[in-house]
Amino acid sequence: MSLAKETTAAIIGKFGANEKDTGNTNVQVALLTERIKEISAHCKQFKKDKTASHGIIKAVG
């Protein structure tokens, strides 16, 4: 599961210096946090989805 392009662009615009500033630490943390939130919501809805559970463990780790 990846973030939608609009979501990614909004996060980069909010936390980056410009729209191409994807390497900034604040941007990276914000993108990872949003991804973890989406996977967490998915895991709550689909409790038997072991692949998503494994993905969230990797993202948090």
N, C-alpha and C. Protein backbone atom coordinates (compact mmCIF):
# COMPACT_ATOMS: atom_id res chain seq x y z
N MET A 1 0.83 -1.17 0.00
CA MET A 1 0.00 0.00 0.00
C MET A 1 0.88 1.24 0.00
N SER A 2 0.58 2.10 -0.90
CA SER A 2 1.33 3.35 -0.93
C SER A 2 0.36 4.51 -0.79
N LEU A 3 0.90 5.64 -0.50
CA LEU A 3 0.08 6.84 -0.34
C LEU A 3 -0.34 7.37 -1.71
N ALA A 4 -1.48 8.01 -1.76
CA ALA A 4 -1.94 8.63 -3.00
C ALA A 4 -1.03 9.81 -3.34
N LYS A 5 -0.93 10.10 -4.62
CA LYS A 5 -0.06 11.19 -5.06
C LYS A 5 -0.48 12.52 -4.46
N GLU A 6 -1.79 12.72 -4.32
CA GLU A 6 -2.28 13.98 -3.75
C GLU A 6 -1.88 14.10 -2.29
N THR A 7 -1.98 12.99 -1.55
CA THR A 7 -1.61 12.98 -0.14
C THR A 7 -0.11 13.26 0.02
N THR A 8 0.68 12.59 -0.80
CA THR A 8 2.12 12.79 -0.75
C THR A 8 2.49 14.23 -1.07
N ALA A 9 1.88 14.78 -2.11
CA ALA A 9 2.17 16.16 -2.49
C ALA A 9 1.77 17.14 -1.39
N ALA A 10 0.65 16.88 -0.74
CA ALA A 10 0.20 17.76 0.35
C ALA A 10 1.17 17.71 1.53
N ILE A 11 1.65 16.53 1.86
CA ILE A 11 2.59 16.39 2.98
C ILE A 11 3.92 17.07 2.64
N ILE A 12 4.39 16.86 1.42
CA ILE A 12 5.65 17.50 1.02
C ILE A 12 5.50 19.01 1.03
N GLY A 13 4.36 19.51 0.56
CA GLY A 13 4.12 20.95 0.57
C GLY A 13 4.05 21.54 1.96
N LYS A 14 3.52 20.76 2.90
CA LYS A 14 3.36 21.24 4.26
C LYS A 14 4.68 21.22 5.03
N PHE A 15 5.46 20.16 4.89
CA PHE A 15 6.66 19.99 5.70
C PHE A 15 7.97 20.30 4.97
N GLY A 16 7.96 20.38 3.65
CA GLY A 16 9.18 20.62 2.90
C GLY A 16 9.39 22.10 2.61
N ALA A 17 10.61 22.42 2.20
CA ALA A 17 10.93 23.80 1.85
C ALA A 17 10.29 24.17 0.51
N ASN A 18 10.18 23.20 -0.40
CA ASN A 18 9.50 23.38 -1.68
C ASN A 18 8.90 22.04 -2.10
N GLU A 19 8.27 21.99 -3.28
CA GLU A 19 7.58 20.77 -3.70
C GLU A 19 8.51 19.63 -4.10
N LYS A 20 9.80 19.92 -4.27
CA LYS A 20 10.76 18.89 -4.63
C LYS A 20 11.64 18.47 -3.46
N ASP A 21 11.35 18.96 -2.28
CA ASP A 21 12.17 18.71 -1.09
C ASP A 21 11.71 17.43 -0.39
N THR A 22 11.95 16.28 -1.04
CA THR A 22 11.50 15.01 -0.48
C THR A 22 12.52 14.39 0.47
N GLY A 23 13.73 14.88 0.49
CA GLY A 23 14.78 14.31 1.32
C GLY A 23 14.85 14.91 2.72
N ASN A 24 14.07 15.94 2.96
CA ASN A 24 14.06 16.59 4.27
C ASN A 24 13.59 15.59 5.33
N THR A 25 14.23 15.61 6.48
CA THR A 25 13.89 14.68 7.56
C THR A 25 12.44 14.84 8.00
N ASN A 26 11.97 16.07 8.10
CA ASN A 26 10.58 16.31 8.50
C ASN A 26 9.60 15.70 7.50
N VAL A 27 9.91 15.80 6.22
CA VAL A 27 9.04 15.23 5.19
C VAL A 27 9.04 13.72 5.29
N GLN A 28 10.21 13.12 5.46
CA GLN A 28 10.31 11.67 5.54
C GLN A 28 9.52 11.12 6.73
N VAL A 29 9.64 11.78 7.87
CA VAL A 29 8.92 11.35 9.07
C VAL A 29 7.42 11.49 8.87
N ALA A 30 6.99 12.59 8.27
CA ALA A 30 5.57 12.82 8.04
C ALA A 30 4.99 11.79 7.07
N LEU A 31 5.73 11.47 6.00
CA LEU A 31 5.27 10.46 5.05
C LEU A 31 5.17 9.08 5.69
N LEU A 32 6.16 8.72 6.48
CA LEU A 32 6.15 7.43 7.15
C LEU A 32 5.03 7.36 8.17
N THR A 33 4.79 8.44 8.89
CA THR A 33 3.71 8.48 9.86
C THR A 33 2.36 8.30 9.19
N GLU A 34 2.15 8.97 8.07
CA GLU A 34 0.88 8.85 7.35
C GLU A 34 0.70 7.43 6.82
N ARG A 35 1.77 6.83 6.34
CA ARG A 35 1.69 5.45 5.84
C ARG A 35 1.33 4.50 6.97
N ILE A 36 1.93 4.68 8.14
CA ILE A 36 1.63 3.84 9.29
C ILE A 36 0.17 4.00 9.71
N LYS A 37 -0.34 5.23 9.66
CA LYS A 37 -1.75 5.46 10.00
C LYS A 37 -2.68 4.71 9.06
N GLU A 38 -2.38 4.76 7.75
CA GLU A 38 -3.22 4.08 6.77
C GLU A 38 -3.18 2.57 6.94
N ILE A 39 -1.99 2.03 7.16
CA ILE A 39 -1.88 0.58 7.34
C ILE A 39 -2.56 0.15 8.64
N SER A 40 -2.46 0.95 9.68
CA SER A 40 -3.12 0.64 10.95
C SER A 40 -4.64 0.58 10.78
N ALA A 41 -5.17 1.54 10.05
CA ALA A 41 -6.62 1.55 9.81
C ALA A 41 -7.03 0.32 9.01
N HIS A 42 -6.21 -0.05 8.04
CA HIS A 42 -6.50 -1.25 7.24
C HIS A 42 -6.46 -2.51 8.10
N CYS A 43 -5.47 -2.59 8.99
CA CYS A 43 -5.34 -3.77 9.85
C CYS A 43 -6.50 -3.88 10.85
N LYS A 44 -7.03 -2.75 11.29
CA LYS A 44 -8.18 -2.78 12.19
C LYS A 44 -9.42 -3.30 11.47
N GLN A 45 -9.55 -2.96 10.19
CA GLN A 45 -10.70 -3.39 9.43
C GLN A 45 -10.57 -4.85 8.98
N PHE A 46 -9.38 -5.26 8.56
CA PHE A 46 -9.13 -6.61 8.06
C PHE A 46 -8.14 -7.29 8.98
N LYS A 47 -8.65 -7.89 10.04
CA LYS A 47 -7.80 -8.45 11.09
C LYS A 47 -6.97 -9.65 10.63
N LYS A 48 -7.41 -10.36 9.61
CA LYS A 48 -6.70 -11.56 9.16
C LYS A 48 -5.68 -11.28 8.05
N ASP A 49 -5.49 -10.05 7.68
CA ASP A 49 -4.55 -9.69 6.63
C ASP A 49 -3.14 -9.67 7.22
N LYS A 50 -2.47 -10.79 7.13
CA LYS A 50 -1.13 -10.92 7.73
C LYS A 50 -0.07 -10.14 6.96
N THR A 51 -0.27 -9.96 5.66
CA THR A 51 0.70 -9.20 4.87
C THR A 51 0.73 -7.73 5.33
N ALA A 52 -0.43 -7.16 5.56
CA ALA A 52 -0.48 -5.77 6.05
C ALA A 52 0.11 -5.68 7.45
N SER A 53 -0.15 -6.68 8.28
CA SER A 53 0.42 -6.68 9.63
C SER A 53 1.93 -6.72 9.56
N HIS A 54 2.46 -7.52 8.65
CA HIS A 54 3.91 -7.59 8.49
C HIS A 54 4.46 -6.25 7.97
N GLY A 55 3.72 -5.61 7.07
CA GLY A 55 4.14 -4.31 6.54
C GLY A 55 4.22 -3.23 7.60
N ILE A 56 3.26 -3.24 8.54
CA ILE A 56 3.29 -2.23 9.59
C ILE A 56 4.43 -2.49 10.57
N ILE A 57 4.74 -3.75 10.82
CA ILE A 57 5.87 -4.09 11.68
C ILE A 57 7.18 -3.60 11.05
N LYS A 58 7.32 -3.78 9.74
CA LYS A 58 8.52 -3.31 9.05
C LYS A 58 8.61 -1.79 9.06
N ALA A 59 7.47 -1.12 8.88
CA ALA A 59 7.48 0.34 8.83
C ALA A 59 7.82 0.93 10.19
N VAL A 60 7.29 0.36 11.25
CA VAL A 60 7.57 0.87 12.59
C VAL A 60 9.00 0.54 13.00
N GLY A 61 9.46 -0.63 12.63
CA GLY A 61 10.81 -1.08 12.99
C GLY A 61 11.85 -0.30 12.26
